[in-house]
Full PDB file with SEQRES, HELIX, SHEET, SSBOND, CRYST1, ORIGX, SCALE, CONECT and MASTER records, all heavy atoms in Angstrom:
SEQRES   1 A   41  PHE ASN ILE PRO SER GLY SER MET LYS SER THR LEU LEU          
SEQRES   2 A   41  VAL GLY ASP TYR LEU PHE VAL SER LYS TYR THR TYR GLY          
SEQRES   3 A   41  TYR SER ARG TYR SER MET PRO LEU SER PRO PRO LEU PHE          
SEQRES   4 A   41  SER GLY                                                      
HELIX    1 AA1 TYR A   23  TYR A   25  5                                   3    
HELIX    2 AA2 ARG A   29  SER A   31  5                                   3    
CRYST1    1.000    1.000    1.000  90.00  90.00  90.00 P 1           1          
ORIGX1      1.000000  0.000000  0.000000        0.00000                         
ORIGX2      0.000000  1.000000  0.000000        0.00000                         
ORIGX3      0.000000  0.000000  1.000000        0.00000                         
SCALE1      1.000000  0.000000  0.000000        0.00000                         
SCALE2      0.000000  1.000000  0.000000        0.00000                         
SCALE3      0.000000  0.000000  1.000000        0.00000                         
ATOM      1  N   PHE A   1       0.857  -1.186   0.000  1.00  0.00           N  
ATOM      2  CA  PHE A   1       0.000   0.000   0.000  1.00  0.00           C  
ATOM      3  C   PHE A   1       0.891   1.232   0.000  1.00  0.00           C  
ATOM      4  O   PHE A   1       2.047   1.169   0.437  1.00  0.00           O  
ATOM      5  CB  PHE A   1      -0.900   0.041   1.239  1.00  0.00           C  
ATOM      6  CG  PHE A   1      -2.037  -0.942   1.226  1.00  0.00           C  
ATOM      7  CD1 PHE A   1      -1.861  -2.227   1.710  1.00  0.00           C  
ATOM      8  CD2 PHE A   1      -3.281  -0.582   0.734  1.00  0.00           C  
ATOM      9  CE1 PHE A   1      -2.898  -3.146   1.701  1.00  0.00           C  
ATOM     10  CE2 PHE A   1      -4.331  -1.497   0.725  1.00  0.00           C  
ATOM     11  CZ  PHE A   1      -4.138  -2.772   1.213  1.00  0.00           C  
ATOM     12  N   ASN A   2       0.359   2.346  -0.463  1.00  0.00           N  
ATOM     13  CA  ASN A   2       1.093   3.606  -0.330  1.00  0.00           C  
ATOM     14  C   ASN A   2       0.236   4.618   0.413  1.00  0.00           C  
ATOM     15  O   ASN A   2      -0.990   4.496   0.469  1.00  0.00           O  
ATOM     16  CB  ASN A   2       1.506   4.159  -1.701  1.00  0.00           C  
ATOM     17  CG  ASN A   2       0.344   4.720  -2.477  1.00  0.00           C  
ATOM     18  OD1 ASN A   2      -0.523   3.985  -2.928  1.00  0.00           O  
ATOM     19  ND2 ASN A   2       0.317   6.032  -2.650  1.00  0.00           N  
ATOM     20  N   ILE A   3       0.887   5.602   1.000  1.00  0.00           N  
ATOM     21  CA  ILE A   3       0.210   6.589   1.846  1.00  0.00           C  
ATOM     22  C   ILE A   3      -0.072   7.847   1.029  1.00  0.00           C  
ATOM     23  O   ILE A   3       0.861   8.546   0.609  1.00  0.00           O  
ATOM     24  CB  ILE A   3       1.075   6.935   3.076  1.00  0.00           C  
ATOM     25  CG1 ILE A   3       1.437   5.667   3.849  1.00  0.00           C  
ATOM     26  CG2 ILE A   3       0.342   7.931   3.970  1.00  0.00           C  
ATOM     27  CD1 ILE A   3       0.255   4.872   4.350  1.00  0.00           C  
ATOM     28  N   PRO A   4      -1.362   8.187   0.799  1.00  0.00           N  
ATOM     29  CA  PRO A   4      -1.694   9.352  -0.023  1.00  0.00           C  
ATOM     30  C   PRO A   4      -2.006  10.622   0.773  1.00  0.00           C  
ATOM     31  O   PRO A   4      -2.157  11.687   0.189  1.00  0.00           O  
ATOM     32  CB  PRO A   4      -2.941   8.874  -0.771  1.00  0.00           C  
ATOM     33  CG  PRO A   4      -3.625   7.980   0.229  1.00  0.00           C  
ATOM     34  CD  PRO A   4      -2.533   7.337   1.055  1.00  0.00           C  
ATOM     35  N   SER A   5      -2.168  10.503   2.107  1.00  0.00           N  
ATOM     36  CA  SER A   5      -2.560  11.671   2.902  1.00  0.00           C  
ATOM     37  C   SER A   5      -1.729  11.748   4.184  1.00  0.00           C  
ATOM     38  O   SER A   5      -1.014  10.812   4.530  1.00  0.00           O  
ATOM     39  CB  SER A   5      -4.050  11.599   3.269  1.00  0.00           C  
ATOM     40  OG  SER A   5      -4.266  10.640   4.288  1.00  0.00           O  
ATOM     41  N   GLY A   6      -1.843  12.883   4.876  1.00  0.00           N  
ATOM     42  CA  GLY A   6      -1.029  13.116   6.058  1.00  0.00           C  
ATOM     43  C   GLY A   6      -1.702  12.797   7.373  1.00  0.00           C  
ATOM     44  O   GLY A   6      -1.259  13.254   8.423  1.00  0.00           O  
ATOM     45  N   SER A   7      -2.758  11.983   7.368  1.00  0.00           N  
ATOM     46  CA  SER A   7      -3.516  11.736   8.600  1.00  0.00           C  
ATOM     47  C   SER A   7      -2.744  10.924   9.636  1.00  0.00           C  
ATOM     48  O   SER A   7      -3.111  10.901  10.806  1.00  0.00           O  
ATOM     49  CB  SER A   7      -4.836  11.027   8.277  1.00  0.00           C  
ATOM     50  OG  SER A   7      -4.599   9.712   7.812  1.00  0.00           O  
ATOM     51  N   MET A   8      -1.670  10.232   9.210  1.00  0.00           N  
ATOM     52  CA  MET A   8      -0.887   9.434  10.155  1.00  0.00           C  
ATOM     53  C   MET A   8       0.496  10.035  10.426  1.00  0.00           C  
ATOM     54  O   MET A   8       1.363   9.368  10.986  1.00  0.00           O  
ATOM     55  CB  MET A   8      -0.746   7.998   9.636  1.00  0.00           C  
ATOM     56  CG  MET A   8      -1.982   7.148   9.808  1.00  0.00           C  
ATOM     57  SD  MET A   8      -2.392   6.843  11.545  1.00  0.00           S  
ATOM     58  CE  MET A   8      -1.019   5.799  12.047  1.00  0.00           C  
ATOM     59  N   LYS A   9       0.726  11.281  10.012  1.00  0.00           N  
ATOM     60  CA  LYS A   9       2.001  11.918  10.322  1.00  0.00           C  
ATOM     61  C   LYS A   9       2.150  12.059  11.829  1.00  0.00           C  
ATOM     62  O   LYS A   9       1.167  12.299  12.529  1.00  0.00           O  
ATOM     63  CB  LYS A   9       2.071  13.309   9.671  1.00  0.00           C  
ATOM     64  CG  LYS A   9       2.252  13.276   8.157  1.00  0.00           C  
ATOM     65  CD  LYS A   9       2.397  14.679   7.591  1.00  0.00           C  
ATOM     66  CE  LYS A   9       2.638  14.646   6.089  1.00  0.00           C  
ATOM     67  NZ  LYS A   9       2.763  15.990   5.516  1.00  0.00           N  
ATOM     68  N   SER A  10       3.333  11.922  12.425  1.00  0.00           N  
ATOM     69  CA  SER A  10       4.573  11.699  11.715  1.00  0.00           C  
ATOM     70  C   SER A  10       4.960  10.210  11.613  1.00  0.00           C  
ATOM     71  O   SER A  10       6.055   9.881  11.142  1.00  0.00           O  
ATOM     72  CB  SER A  10       5.702  12.428  12.434  1.00  0.00           C  
ATOM     73  OG  SER A  10       5.850  11.930  13.762  1.00  0.00           O  
ATOM     74  N   THR A  11       4.061   9.307  12.036  1.00  0.00           N  
ATOM     75  CA  THR A  11       4.341   7.879  11.937  1.00  0.00           C  
ATOM     76  C   THR A  11       4.498   7.453  10.489  1.00  0.00           C  
ATOM     77  O   THR A  11       5.449   6.749  10.131  1.00  0.00           O  
ATOM     78  CB  THR A  11       3.220   7.061  12.601  1.00  0.00           C  
ATOM     79  OG1 THR A  11       3.053   7.500  13.956  1.00  0.00           O  
ATOM     80  CG2 THR A  11       3.536   5.577  12.577  1.00  0.00           C  
ATOM     81  N   LEU A  12       3.563   7.874   9.636  1.00  0.00           N  
ATOM     82  CA  LEU A  12       3.596   7.574   8.212  1.00  0.00           C  
ATOM     83  C   LEU A  12       3.471   8.880   7.437  1.00  0.00           C  
ATOM     84  O   LEU A  12       2.657   9.737   7.789  1.00  0.00           O  
ATOM     85  CB  LEU A  12       2.455   6.628   7.831  1.00  0.00           C  
ATOM     86  CG  LEU A  12       2.481   5.242   8.486  1.00  0.00           C  
ATOM     87  CD1 LEU A  12       1.206   4.478   8.163  1.00  0.00           C  
ATOM     88  CD2 LEU A  12       3.709   4.450   8.042  1.00  0.00           C  
ATOM     89  N   LEU A  13       4.282   9.008   6.403  1.00  0.00           N  
ATOM     90  CA  LEU A  13       4.314  10.227   5.610  1.00  0.00           C  
ATOM     91  C   LEU A  13       3.738   9.977   4.223  1.00  0.00           C  
ATOM     92  O   LEU A  13       3.759   8.848   3.717  1.00  0.00           O  
ATOM     93  CB  LEU A  13       5.749  10.735   5.476  1.00  0.00           C  
ATOM     94  CG  LEU A  13       6.526  10.975   6.774  1.00  0.00           C  
ATOM     95  CD1 LEU A  13       7.942  11.450   6.452  1.00  0.00           C  
ATOM     96  CD2 LEU A  13       5.810  11.988   7.666  1.00  0.00           C  
ATOM     97  N   VAL A  14       3.241  11.038   3.605  1.00  0.00           N  
ATOM     98  CA  VAL A  14       2.802  10.944   2.215  1.00  0.00           C  
ATOM     99  C   VAL A  14       3.999  10.514   1.371  1.00  0.00           C  
ATOM    100  O   VAL A  14       5.076  11.095   1.456  1.00  0.00           O  
ATOM    101  CB  VAL A  14       2.256  12.295   1.721  1.00  0.00           C  
ATOM    102  CG1 VAL A  14       1.893  12.203   0.235  1.00  0.00           C  
ATOM    103  CG2 VAL A  14       1.057  12.722   2.541  1.00  0.00           C  
ATOM    104  N   GLY A  15       3.802   9.466   0.583  1.00  0.00           N  
ATOM    105  CA  GLY A  15       4.900   8.950  -0.226  1.00  0.00           C  
ATOM    106  C   GLY A  15       5.550   7.713   0.346  1.00  0.00           C  
ATOM    107  O   GLY A  15       6.430   7.125  -0.277  1.00  0.00           O  
ATOM    108  N   ASP A  16       5.114   7.280   1.546  1.00  0.00           N  
ATOM    109  CA  ASP A  16       5.598   6.012   2.093  1.00  0.00           C  
ATOM    110  C   ASP A  16       4.908   4.850   1.384  1.00  0.00           C  
ATOM    111  O   ASP A  16       3.699   4.896   1.117  1.00  0.00           O  
ATOM    112  CB  ASP A  16       5.287   5.907   3.593  1.00  0.00           C  
ATOM    113  CG  ASP A  16       6.239   6.708   4.455  1.00  0.00           C  
ATOM    114  OD1 ASP A  16       7.280   7.161   3.947  1.00  0.00           O  
ATOM    115  OD2 ASP A  16       5.945   6.870   5.661  1.00  0.00           O  
ATOM    116  N   TYR A  17       5.663   3.805   1.092  1.00  0.00           N  
ATOM    117  CA  TYR A  17       5.131   2.561   0.543  1.00  0.00           C  
ATOM    118  C   TYR A  17       5.408   1.457   1.562  1.00  0.00           C  
ATOM    119  O   TYR A  17       6.540   1.340   2.042  1.00  0.00           O  
ATOM    120  CB  TYR A  17       5.798   2.211  -0.790  1.00  0.00           C  
ATOM    121  CG  TYR A  17       5.398   3.127  -1.927  1.00  0.00           C  
ATOM    122  CD1 TYR A  17       5.900   4.423  -2.012  1.00  0.00           C  
ATOM    123  CD2 TYR A  17       4.505   2.700  -2.917  1.00  0.00           C  
ATOM    124  CE1 TYR A  17       5.530   5.266  -3.058  1.00  0.00           C  
ATOM    125  CE2 TYR A  17       4.138   3.534  -3.960  1.00  0.00           C  
ATOM    126  CZ  TYR A  17       4.650   4.818  -4.021  1.00  0.00           C  
ATOM    127  OH  TYR A  17       4.264   5.655  -5.050  1.00  0.00           O  
ATOM    128  N   LEU A  18       4.389   0.699   1.913  1.00  0.00           N  
ATOM    129  CA  LEU A  18       4.574  -0.263   2.987  1.00  0.00           C  
ATOM    130  C   LEU A  18       3.919  -1.595   2.676  1.00  0.00           C  
ATOM    131  O   LEU A  18       3.038  -1.703   1.824  1.00  0.00           O  
ATOM    132  CB  LEU A  18       4.031   0.309   4.303  1.00  0.00           C  
ATOM    133  CG  LEU A  18       2.639   0.963   4.294  1.00  0.00           C  
ATOM    134  CD1 LEU A  18       1.579  -0.069   4.552  1.00  0.00           C  
ATOM    135  CD2 LEU A  18       2.570   2.069   5.332  1.00  0.00           C  
ATOM    136  N   PHE A  19       4.396  -2.609   3.385  1.00  0.00           N  
ATOM    137  CA  PHE A  19       3.803  -3.938   3.300  1.00  0.00           C  
ATOM    138  C   PHE A  19       2.821  -4.122   4.458  1.00  0.00           C  
ATOM    139  O   PHE A  19       3.132  -3.781   5.609  1.00  0.00           O  
ATOM    140  CB  PHE A  19       4.875  -5.026   3.373  1.00  0.00           C  
ATOM    141  CG  PHE A  19       5.693  -5.172   2.123  1.00  0.00           C  
ATOM    142  CD1 PHE A  19       7.067  -5.095   2.165  1.00  0.00           C  
ATOM    143  CD2 PHE A  19       5.078  -5.398   0.904  1.00  0.00           C  
ATOM    144  CE1 PHE A  19       7.833  -5.235   1.012  1.00  0.00           C  
ATOM    145  CE2 PHE A  19       5.821  -5.541  -0.257  1.00  0.00           C  
ATOM    146  CZ  PHE A  19       7.203  -5.457  -0.196  1.00  0.00           C  
ATOM    147  N   VAL A  20       1.666  -4.670   4.137  1.00  0.00           N  
ATOM    148  CA  VAL A  20       0.633  -4.968   5.134  1.00  0.00           C  
ATOM    149  C   VAL A  20       0.467  -6.483   5.194  1.00  0.00           C  
ATOM    150  O   VAL A  20       0.273  -7.140   4.169  1.00  0.00           O  
ATOM    151  CB  VAL A  20      -0.701  -4.293   4.752  1.00  0.00           C  
ATOM    152  CG1 VAL A  20      -1.834  -4.782   5.638  1.00  0.00           C  
ATOM    153  CG2 VAL A  20      -0.561  -2.781   4.835  1.00  0.00           C  
ATOM    154  N   SER A  21       0.572  -7.038   6.394  1.00  0.00           N  
ATOM    155  CA  SER A  21       0.450  -8.489   6.550  1.00  0.00           C  
ATOM    156  C   SER A  21      -1.018  -8.889   6.585  1.00  0.00           C  
ATOM    157  O   SER A  21      -1.797  -8.352   7.364  1.00  0.00           O  
ATOM    158  CB  SER A  21       1.156  -8.953   7.826  1.00  0.00           C  
ATOM    159  OG  SER A  21       0.555  -8.388   8.976  1.00  0.00           O  
ATOM    160  N   LYS A  22      -1.395  -9.838   5.736  1.00  0.00           N  
ATOM    161  CA  LYS A  22      -2.770 -10.313   5.671  1.00  0.00           C  
ATOM    162  C   LYS A  22      -3.060 -11.348   6.759  1.00  0.00           C  
ATOM    163  O   LYS A  22      -4.180 -11.459   7.253  1.00  0.00           O  
ATOM    164  CB  LYS A  22      -3.029 -10.945   4.300  1.00  0.00           C  
ATOM    165  CG  LYS A  22      -2.975  -9.990   3.123  1.00  0.00           C  
ATOM    166  CD  LYS A  22      -4.165  -9.059   3.124  1.00  0.00           C  
ATOM    167  CE  LYS A  22      -4.320  -8.351   1.803  1.00  0.00           C  
ATOM    168  NZ  LYS A  22      -4.775  -9.199   0.711  1.00  0.00           N  
ATOM    169  N   TYR A  23      -2.064 -12.143   7.104  1.00  0.00           N  
ATOM    170  CA  TYR A  23      -2.275 -13.287   7.989  1.00  0.00           C  
ATOM    171  C   TYR A  23      -2.435 -12.894   9.453  1.00  0.00           C  
ATOM    172  O   TYR A  23      -2.917 -13.684  10.262  1.00  0.00           O  
ATOM    173  CB  TYR A  23      -1.094 -14.266   7.866  1.00  0.00           C  
ATOM    174  CG  TYR A  23       0.245 -13.631   8.134  1.00  0.00           C  
ATOM    175  CD1 TYR A  23       0.743 -13.505   9.429  1.00  0.00           C  
ATOM    176  CD2 TYR A  23       1.021 -13.141   7.086  1.00  0.00           C  
ATOM    177  CE1 TYR A  23       1.966 -12.905   9.662  1.00  0.00           C  
ATOM    178  CE2 TYR A  23       2.242 -12.552   7.323  1.00  0.00           C  
ATOM    179  CZ  TYR A  23       2.716 -12.432   8.605  1.00  0.00           C  
ATOM    180  OH  TYR A  23       3.922 -11.833   8.841  1.00  0.00           O  
ATOM    181  N   THR A  24      -2.047 -11.672   9.831  1.00  0.00           N  
ATOM    182  CA  THR A  24      -2.034 -11.280  11.242  1.00  0.00           C  
ATOM    183  C   THR A  24      -3.408 -11.409  11.882  1.00  0.00           C  
ATOM    184  O   THR A  24      -3.529 -11.881  13.018  1.00  0.00           O  
ATOM    185  CB  THR A  24      -1.531  -9.837  11.390  1.00  0.00           C  
ATOM    186  OG1 THR A  24      -0.231  -9.732  10.798  1.00  0.00           O  
ATOM    187  CG2 THR A  24      -1.438  -9.447  12.861  1.00  0.00           C  
ATOM    188  N   TYR A  25      -4.447 -10.983  11.181  1.00  0.00           N  
ATOM    189  CA  TYR A  25      -5.804 -11.001  11.736  1.00  0.00           C  
ATOM    190  C   TYR A  25      -6.701 -12.020  11.048  1.00  0.00           C  
ATOM    191  O   TYR A  25      -7.917 -11.992  11.241  1.00  0.00           O  
ATOM    192  CB  TYR A  25      -6.434  -9.612  11.617  1.00  0.00           C  
ATOM    193  CG  TYR A  25      -5.585  -8.491  12.166  1.00  0.00           C  
ATOM    194  CD1 TYR A  25      -5.273  -7.379  11.391  1.00  0.00           C  
ATOM    195  CD2 TYR A  25      -5.076  -8.549  13.459  1.00  0.00           C  
ATOM    196  CE1 TYR A  25      -4.494  -6.347  11.882  1.00  0.00           C  
ATOM    197  CE2 TYR A  25      -4.285  -7.527  13.963  1.00  0.00           C  
ATOM    198  CZ  TYR A  25      -3.999  -6.428  13.165  1.00  0.00           C  
ATOM    199  OH  TYR A  25      -3.213  -5.421  13.663  1.00  0.00           O  
ATOM    200  N   GLY A  26      -6.144 -12.907  10.249  1.00  0.00           N  
ATOM    201  CA  GLY A  26      -6.967 -13.839   9.502  1.00  0.00           C  
ATOM    202  C   GLY A  26      -7.497 -13.196   8.230  1.00  0.00           C  
ATOM    203  O   GLY A  26      -7.065 -12.119   7.831  1.00  0.00           O  
ATOM    204  N   TYR A  27      -8.483 -13.840   7.621  1.00  0.00           N  
ATOM    205  CA  TYR A  27      -8.913 -13.436   6.290  1.00  0.00           C  
ATOM    206  C   TYR A  27     -10.431 -13.246   6.227  1.00  0.00           C  
ATOM    207  O   TYR A  27     -11.190 -14.045   6.759  1.00  0.00           O  
ATOM    208  CB  TYR A  27      -8.500 -14.502   5.270  1.00  0.00           C  
ATOM    209  CG  TYR A  27      -7.026 -14.846   5.362  1.00  0.00           C  
ATOM    210  CD1 TYR A  27      -6.595 -15.944   6.120  1.00  0.00           C  
ATOM    211  CD2 TYR A  27      -6.076 -14.060   4.735  1.00  0.00           C  
ATOM    212  CE1 TYR A  27      -5.247 -16.242   6.230  1.00  0.00           C  
ATOM    213  CE2 TYR A  27      -4.722 -14.358   4.839  1.00  0.00           C  
ATOM    214  CZ  TYR A  27      -4.313 -15.446   5.588  1.00  0.00           C  
ATOM    215  OH  TYR A  27      -2.981 -15.738   5.703  1.00  0.00           O  
ATOM    216  N   SER A  28     -10.820 -12.150   5.565  1.00  0.00           N  
ATOM    217  CA  SER A  28     -12.225 -11.916   5.245  1.00  0.00           C  
ATOM    218  C   SER A  28     -12.337 -11.733   3.740  1.00  0.00           C  
ATOM    219  O   SER A  28     -11.342 -11.829   3.013  1.00  0.00           O  
ATOM    220  CB  SER A  28     -12.746 -10.669   5.975  1.00  0.00           C  
ATOM    221  OG  SER A  28     -12.213  -9.491   5.379  1.00  0.00           O  
ATOM    222  N   ARG A  29     -13.521 -11.428   3.259  1.00  0.00           N  
ATOM    223  CA  ARG A  29     -13.693 -11.227   1.815  1.00  0.00           C  
ATOM    224  C   ARG A  29     -12.803 -10.096   1.309  1.00  0.00           C  
ATOM    225  O   ARG A  29     -12.376 -10.089   0.144  1.00  0.00           O  
ATOM    226  CB  ARG A  29     -15.144 -10.913   1.484  1.00  0.00           C  
ATOM    227  CG  ARG A  29     -15.715  -9.702   2.203  1.00  0.00           C  
ATOM    228  CD  ARG A  29     -17.100  -9.337   1.738  1.00  0.00           C  
ATOM    229  NE  ARG A  29     -17.069  -8.804   0.381  1.00  0.00           N  
ATOM    230  CZ  ARG A  29     -18.097  -8.139  -0.144  1.00  0.00           C  
ATOM    231  NH1 ARG A  29     -19.211  -7.968   0.543  1.00  0.00           N  
ATOM    232  NH2 ARG A  29     -18.011  -7.659  -1.369  1.00  0.00           N  
ATOM    233  N   TYR A  30     -12.490  -9.139   2.204  1.00  0.00           N  
ATOM    234  CA  TYR A  30     -11.676  -8.001   1.790  1.00  0.00           C  
ATOM    235  C   TYR A  30     -10.197  -8.348   1.682  1.00  0.00           C  
ATOM    236  O   TYR A  30      -9.398  -7.516   1.236  1.00  0.00           O  
ATOM    237  CB  TYR A  30     -11.886  -6.836   2.762  1.00  0.00           C  
ATOM    238  CG  TYR A  30     -13.305  -6.336   2.751  1.00  0.00           C  
ATOM    239  CD1 TYR A  30     -14.141  -6.522   3.860  1.00  0.00           C  
ATOM    240  CD2 TYR A  30     -13.831  -5.712   1.629  1.00  0.00           C  
ATOM    241  CE1 TYR A  30     -15.456  -6.080   3.838  1.00  0.00           C  
ATOM    242  CE2 TYR A  30     -15.148  -5.263   1.608  1.00  0.00           C  
ATOM    243  CZ  TYR A  30     -15.951  -5.452   2.717  1.00  0.00           C  
ATOM    244  OH  TYR A  30     -17.256  -5.019   2.686  1.00  0.00           O  
ATOM    245  N   SER A  31      -9.830  -9.560   2.087  1.00  0.00           N  
ATOM    246  CA  SER A  31      -8.454 -10.014   1.888  1.00  0.00           C  
ATOM    247  C   SER A  31      -8.206 -10.419   0.441  1.00  0.00           C  
ATOM    248  O   SER A  31      -7.054 -10.528   0.016  1.00  0.00           O  
ATOM    249  CB  SER A  31      -8.162 -11.210   2.804  1.00  0.00           C  
ATOM    250  OG  SER A  31      -8.416 -10.908   4.161  1.00  0.00           O  
ATOM    251  N   MET A  32      -9.272 -10.667  -0.292  1.00  0.00           N  
ATOM    252  CA  MET A  32      -9.163 -11.168  -1.657  1.00  0.00           C  
ATOM    253  C   MET A  32      -9.162 -10.021  -2.664  1.00  0.00           C  
ATOM    254  O   MET A  32      -9.821  -9.010  -2.449  1.00  0.00           O  
ATOM    255  CB  MET A  32     -10.346 -12.102  -1.971  1.00  0.00           C  
ATOM    256  CG  MET A  32     -10.586 -13.182  -0.935  1.00  0.00           C  
ATOM    257  SD  MET A  32      -9.200 -14.328  -0.824  1.00  0.00           S  
ATOM    258  CE  MET A  32      -9.720 -15.358   0.561  1.00  0.00           C  
ATOM    259  N   PRO A  33      -8.437 -10.185  -3.769  1.00  0.00           N  
ATOM    260  CA  PRO A  33      -8.541  -9.187  -4.845  1.00  0.00           C  
ATOM    261  C   PRO A  33      -9.978  -9.049  -5.320  1.00  0.00           C  
ATOM    262  O   PRO A  33     -10.688 -10.045  -5.493  1.00  0.00           O  
ATOM    263  CB  PRO A  33      -7.643  -9.772  -5.949  1.00  0.00           C  
ATOM    264  CG  PRO A  33      -6.674 -10.655  -5.221  1.00  0.00           C  
ATOM    265  CD  PRO A  33      -7.444 -11.237  -4.064  1.00  0.00           C  
ATOM    266  N   LEU A  34     -10.431  -7.819  -5.471  1.00  0.00           N  
ATOM    267  CA  LEU A  34     -11.796  -7.481  -5.913  1.00  0.00           C  
ATOM    268  C   LEU A  34     -12.859  -7.810  -4.867  1.00  0.00           C  
ATOM    269  O   LEU A  34     -14.041  -7.613  -5.104  1.00  0.00           O  
ATOM    270  CB  LEU A  34     -12.146  -8.177  -7.239  1.00  0.00           C  
ATOM    271  CG  LEU A  34     -11.178  -7.919  -8.403  1.00  0.00           C  
ATOM    272  CD1 LEU A  34     -11.626  -8.696  -9.632  1.00  0.00           C  
ATOM    273  CD2 LEU A  34     -11.067  -6.443  -8.699  1.00  0.00           C  
ATOM    274  N   SER A  35     -12.458  -8.337  -3.709  1.00  0.00           N  
ATOM    275  CA  SER A  35     -13.371  -8.580  -2.571  1.00  0.00           C  
ATOM    276  C   SER A  35     -14.617  -9.377  -2.956  1.00  0.00           C  
ATOM    277  O   SER A  35     -15.749  -8.950  -2.690  1.00  0.00           O  
ATOM    278  CB  SER A  35     -13.798  -7.254  -1.935  1.00  0.00           C  
ATOM    279  OG  SER A  35     -12.679  -6.480  -1.603  1.00  0.00           O  
ATOM    280  N   PRO A  36     -14.468 -10.532  -3.575  1.00  0.00           N  
ATOM    281  CA  PRO A  36     -15.658 -11.316  -3.955  1.00  0.00           C  
ATOM    282  C   PRO A  36     -16.380 -11.830  -2.710  1.00  0.00           C  
ATOM    283  O   PRO A  36     -15.749 -12.228  -1.737  1.00  0.00           O  
ATOM    284  CB  PRO A  36     -15.055 -12.483  -4.758  1.00  0.00           C  
ATOM    285  CG  PRO A  36     -13.672 -12.633  -4.219  1.00  0.00           C  
ATOM    286  CD  PRO A  36     -13.212 -11.248  -3.887  1.00  0.00           C  
ATOM    287  N   PRO A  37     -17.715 -11.848  -2.713  1.00  0.00           N  
ATOM    288  CA  PRO A  37     -18.478 -12.307  -1.548  1.00  0.00           C  
ATOM    289  C   PRO A  37     -18.522 -13.829  -1.464  1.00  0.00           C  
ATOM    290  O   PRO A  37     -19.587 -14.448  -1.496  1.00  0.00           O  
ATOM    291  CB  PRO A  37     -19.863 -11.707  -1.793  1.00  0.00           C  
ATOM    292  CG  PRO A  37     -19.964 -11.633  -3.279  1.00  0.00           C  
ATOM    293  CD  PRO A  37     -18.584 -11.331  -3.791  1.00  0.00           C  
ATOM    294  N   LEU A  38     -17.343 -14.443  -1.322  1.00  0.00           N  
ATOM    295  CA  LEU A  38     -17.261 -15.906  -1.294  1.00  0.00           C  
ATOM    296  C   LEU A  38     -17.675 -16.469   0.053  1.00  0.00           C  
ATOM    297  O   LEU A  38     -18.136 -17.604   0.146  1.00  0.00           O  
ATOM    298  CB  LEU A  38     -15.836 -16.356  -1.633  1.00  0.00           C  
ATOM    299  CG  LEU A  38     -15.300 -15.937  -3.012  1.00  0.00           C  
ATOM    300  CD1 LEU A  38     -13.866 -16.408  -3.193  1.00  0.00           C  
ATOM    301  CD2 LEU A  38     -16.198 -16.497  -4.113  1.00  0.00           C  
ATOM    302  N   PHE A  39     -17.467 -15.666   1.128  1.00  0.00           N  
ATOM    303  CA  PHE A  39     -17.838 -16.126   2.461  1.00  0.00           C  
ATOM    304  C   PHE A  39     -18.030 -14.906   3.346  1.00  0.00           C  
ATOM    305  O   PHE A  39     -17.640 -13.795   2.996  1.00  0.00           O  
ATOM    306  CB  PHE A  39     -16.756 -17.062   3.041  1.00  0.00           C  
ATOM    307  CG  PHE A  39     -15.403 -16.423   3.145  1.00  0.00           C  
ATOM    308  CD1 PHE A  39     -14.988 -15.800   4.320  1.00  0.00           C  
ATOM    309  CD2 PHE A  39     -14.518 -16.449   2.072  1.00  0.00           C  
ATOM    310  CE1 PHE A  39     -13.743 -15.217   4.421  1.00  0.00           C  
ATOM    311  CE2 PHE A  39     -13.261 -15.876   2.169  1.00  0.00           C  
ATOM    312  CZ  PHE A  39     -12.876 -15.260   3.340  1.00  0.00           C  
ATOM    313  N   SER A  40     -18.637 -15.118   4.495  1.00  0.00           N  
ATOM    314  CA  SER A  40     -18.829 -14.032   5.462  1.00  0.00           C  
ATOM    315  C   SER A  40     -17.986 -14.313   6.697  1.00  0.00           C  
ATOM    316  O   SER A  40     -17.570 -15.449   6.939  1.00  0.00           O  
ATOM    317  CB  SER A  40     -20.306 -13.901   5.844  1.00  0.00           C  
ATOM    318  OG  SER A  40     -20.772 -15.106   6.420  1.00  0.00           O  
ATOM    319  N   GLY A  41     -17.744 -13.276   7.484  1.00  0.00           N  
ATOM    320  CA  GLY A  41     -16.932 -13.435   8.680  1.00  0.00           C  
ATOM    321  C   GLY A  41     -15.452 -13.536   8.346  1.00  0.00           C  
ATOM    322  O   GLY A  41     -15.006 -13.130   7.268  1.00  0.00           O  
TER     323      GLY A  41                                                      
MASTER        0    0    0    2    0    0    0    6  322    1    0    4          
END                                                                             
């Protein structure tokens, strides 16, 4: 992901590119590309 706004300054700056771990909290439909409604929860 990249940071487009300054709402998290000074922790994250506009122009930061970061990796977000998917496995940390498990998986929902929003973990999938295009967020297909394959399952709930």
